Protein backbone atom coordinates (compact mmCIF):
# COMPACT_ATOMS: atom_id res chain seq x y z
CA MET A 1 0.03 0.29 0.06
CA ASP A 2 1.14 3.54 -0.75
CA GLU A 3 2.26 5.16 2.35
CA LEU A 4 0.80 8.73 2.84
CA VAL A 5 3.10 11.76 3.22
CA ALA A 6 2.68 15.01 5.22
CA LEU A 7 2.68 17.72 2.50
CA LEU A 8 3.66 21.09 3.53
CA ASP A 9 3.13 24.91 2.25
CA SER A 10 6.09 27.31 1.36
CA GLU A 11 6.42 28.32 5.28
CA GLY A 12 6.78 24.39 6.17
CA ARG A 13 3.16 24.08 7.54
CA VAL A 14 1.40 20.89 7.13
CA CYS A 15 -1.15 21.52 4.30
CA GLY A 16 -2.38 17.99 3.86
CA SER A 17 -1.03 14.98 2.57
CA ALA A 18 -0.90 12.62 -0.71
CA PRO A 19 0.11 8.96 -1.39
CA ARG A 20 4.34 8.69 -1.48
CA SER A 21 3.50 7.64 -5.53
CA VAL A 22 1.49 11.25 -6.42
CA MET A 23 4.14 13.06 -4.28
CA ARG A 24 7.13 11.61 -6.24
CA ARG A 25 5.20 11.82 -9.39
CA ASP A 26 4.30 15.45 -9.08
CA ASN A 27 7.31 16.46 -7.07
CA LEU A 28 5.07 18.06 -4.31
CA ARG A 29 6.67 19.67 -1.35
CA HIS A 30 7.13 17.30 2.02
CA ALA A 31 8.92 17.10 5.05
CA ALA A 32 11.78 14.46 5.38
CA THR A 33 14.50 13.88 7.56
CA GLY A 34 18.25 13.17 7.66
CA VAL A 35 20.74 11.85 10.34
CA LEU A 36 24.62 11.84 9.95
CA VAL A 37 25.79 8.85 11.72
CA ARG A 38 29.53 9.23 13.17
CA ASN A 39 31.53 6.92 15.51
CA SER A 40 33.29 7.69 18.00
CA SER A 41 36.76 8.17 15.85
CA GLY A 42 34.92 10.66 13.83
CA ASP A 43 34.09 8.32 11.04
CA ILE A 44 31.03 8.73 8.84
CA TYR A 45 28.86 5.73 8.09
CA VAL A 46 28.27 6.10 4.18
CA HIS A 47 25.91 3.59 2.32
CA GLN A 48 24.68 2.84 -1.18
CA ARG A 49 21.12 3.12 -1.97
CA THR A 50 19.43 0.26 -3.81
CA ALA A 51 18.49 -0.13 -7.08
CA THR A 52 14.49 0.17 -6.47
CA LYS A 53 14.64 3.33 -4.90
CA ASP A 54 11.78 5.60 -6.22
CA VAL A 55 14.52 8.60 -6.31
CA TYR A 56 17.89 8.45 -6.71
CA PRO A 57 18.32 4.95 -7.20
CA SER A 58 22.14 3.34 -6.69
CA TYR A 59 23.28 6.87 -5.22
CA TYR A 60 25.48 7.07 -2.38
CA ASP A 61 24.11 8.63 0.53
CA PHE A 62 26.05 9.73 4.15
CA ALA A 63 22.66 10.36 5.79
CA ALA A 64 19.70 7.86 7.01
CA GLY A 65 16.49 9.57 6.78
CA GLY A 66 13.14 9.57 4.46
CA VAL A 67 9.54 11.07 4.38
CA VAL A 68 7.59 12.14 7.25
CA ALA A 69 4.41 10.21 7.00
CA ALA A 70 0.88 12.29 7.39
CA GLY A 71 0.22 13.04 11.27
CA GLU A 72 3.51 11.98 12.26
CA ASP A 73 5.46 14.19 14.35
CA PRO A 74 9.22 14.69 12.67
CA TYR A 75 11.06 13.73 15.58
CA ASP A 76 9.36 10.56 15.79
CA ALA A 77 10.18 10.24 11.87
CA VAL A 78 13.75 10.61 12.55
CA VAL A 79 13.97 7.89 15.12
CA ARG A 80 11.82 5.21 12.82
CA GLU A 81 13.85 6.14 10.10
CA LEU A 82 17.38 5.41 11.97
CA ALA A 83 15.87 2.29 13.16
CA GLU A 84 14.51 1.13 9.72
CA GLU A 85 17.38 1.78 7.48
CA LEU A 86 20.04 1.05 9.57
CA GLY A 87 19.01 -0.72 12.42
CA ILE A 88 20.13 2.04 15.01
CA VAL A 89 18.06 2.40 18.24
CA GLY A 90 18.26 4.50 21.47
CA ALA A 91 21.33 6.78 19.92
CA ASP A 92 21.82 10.32 21.60
CA LEU A 93 20.09 12.37 18.72
CA VAL A 94 21.55 15.95 18.49
CA LYS A 95 19.41 18.17 16.27
CA LEU A 96 21.00 20.49 13.40
CA PRO A 97 19.53 23.07 11.54
CA GLU A 98 16.75 22.46 9.30
CA GLY A 99 17.06 22.90 5.57
CA ASP A 100 15.09 23.27 2.57
CA TYR A 101 16.10 21.09 -0.53
CA ALA A 102 14.66 21.36 -3.98
CA ASP A 103 15.35 20.07 -7.57
CA ASP A 104 13.16 18.58 -10.24
CA ASN A 105 13.09 15.19 -8.69
CA THR A 106 12.09 16.38 -5.05
CA SER A 107 11.16 19.28 -2.83
CA TYR A 108 11.14 18.80 0.76
CA HIS A 109 11.95 20.77 4.47
CA ALA A 110 14.57 18.71 5.90
CA TYR A 111 14.61 18.11 9.63
CA LEU A 112 18.72 16.88 10.28
CA TYR A 113 20.35 15.29 13.12
CA THR A 114 23.75 13.72 14.26
CA CYS A 115 24.27 10.82 16.29
CA VAL A 116 27.22 9.05 17.70
CA TRP A 117 27.20 5.36 17.23
CA ASN A 118 29.35 2.61 17.81
CA GLY A 119 27.12 -0.48 17.63
CA PRO A 120 26.34 -2.71 14.92
CA ILE A 121 24.77 -1.59 11.91
CA GLU A 122 21.76 -3.47 10.14
CA HIS A 123 20.69 -2.83 6.69
CA GLN A 124 17.28 -2.99 5.58
CA PRO A 125 17.37 -4.90 2.52
CA GLU A 126 14.99 -3.01 0.76
CA GLU A 127 16.50 -0.02 0.91
CA VAL A 128 20.51 -0.11 1.59
CA ALA A 129 22.70 -2.06 -0.86
CA TRP A 130 26.04 -1.51 1.13
CA GLY A 131 27.59 0.51 3.92
CA ALA A 132 30.71 1.89 5.46
CA TRP A 133 32.66 3.88 7.89
CA MET A 134 34.52 6.63 6.06
CA SER A 135 36.76 9.45 7.36
CA PRO A 136 35.88 13.10 6.77
CA ALA A 137 38.43 13.59 4.59
CA GLU A 138 37.76 10.28 2.63
CA LEU A 139 33.91 11.71 2.41
CA ALA A 140 34.82 15.08 1.32
CA ALA A 141 37.53 13.77 -1.43
CA LYS A 142 34.05 11.33 -2.67
CA LEU A 143 31.98 14.90 -2.87
CA ASP A 144 34.34 16.24 -5.09
CA ASP A 145 34.48 13.07 -7.46
CA PRO A 146 31.93 13.45 -10.44
CA SER A 147 32.05 9.70 -11.13
CA TRP A 148 30.75 8.88 -7.83
CA PRO A 149 27.00 9.85 -7.73
CA VAL A 150 25.86 10.88 -4.65
CA MET A 151 22.66 12.48 -3.04
CA PRO A 152 22.48 15.54 -4.33
CA ASP A 153 20.23 16.63 -1.42
CA THR A 154 22.50 15.03 1.25
CA ALA A 155 25.34 16.76 -0.31
CA ALA A 156 23.71 20.50 -0.49
CA LEU A 157 22.37 20.00 3.17
CA LEU A 158 25.19 18.25 5.02
CA GLY A 159 28.41 18.54 2.68
CA PRO A 160 29.12 21.97 4.66
CA LEU A 161 29.15 19.97 7.76
CA VAL A 162 31.47 17.01 6.62
CA ARG A 163 34.17 19.35 4.96
CA SER A 164 34.02 21.35 8.59
CA PHE A 165 35.25 18.01 9.85
CA VAL A 166 38.27 17.95 7.67
């Protein structure tokens, strides 16, 4: 079944909902989450999206996250997505500044967080094809490599933070 996604107006207020397929098809503005996961050594968890993802399939990402469902609190969506995508439960989440992103494929308001995690990572097979820890320097170099397809929204929203760690 097609999940219902919270839609936002230009001011960031919830103004309705739509099935995920309609939100994607019409590039409707919605809310989404992103969590930059680091370990105690400062490395960043990077993963590759599966080829079946509805937007940017097979791209590399360095934030765990997803859309906020209709009626869902954004913080609850952050916790849910982190658990679903990477199997991380109980991490101390630190709020980062929120942001906005839009391109020809997606348009959303981002609720961003970071956490330190030294426990196991368990990929959701439908969403994550591969993952590994990278140093900030390694990831910053990948962001500058045009042959490495990275999520443009994550690069725009969290790339400057990653570069500040180098």
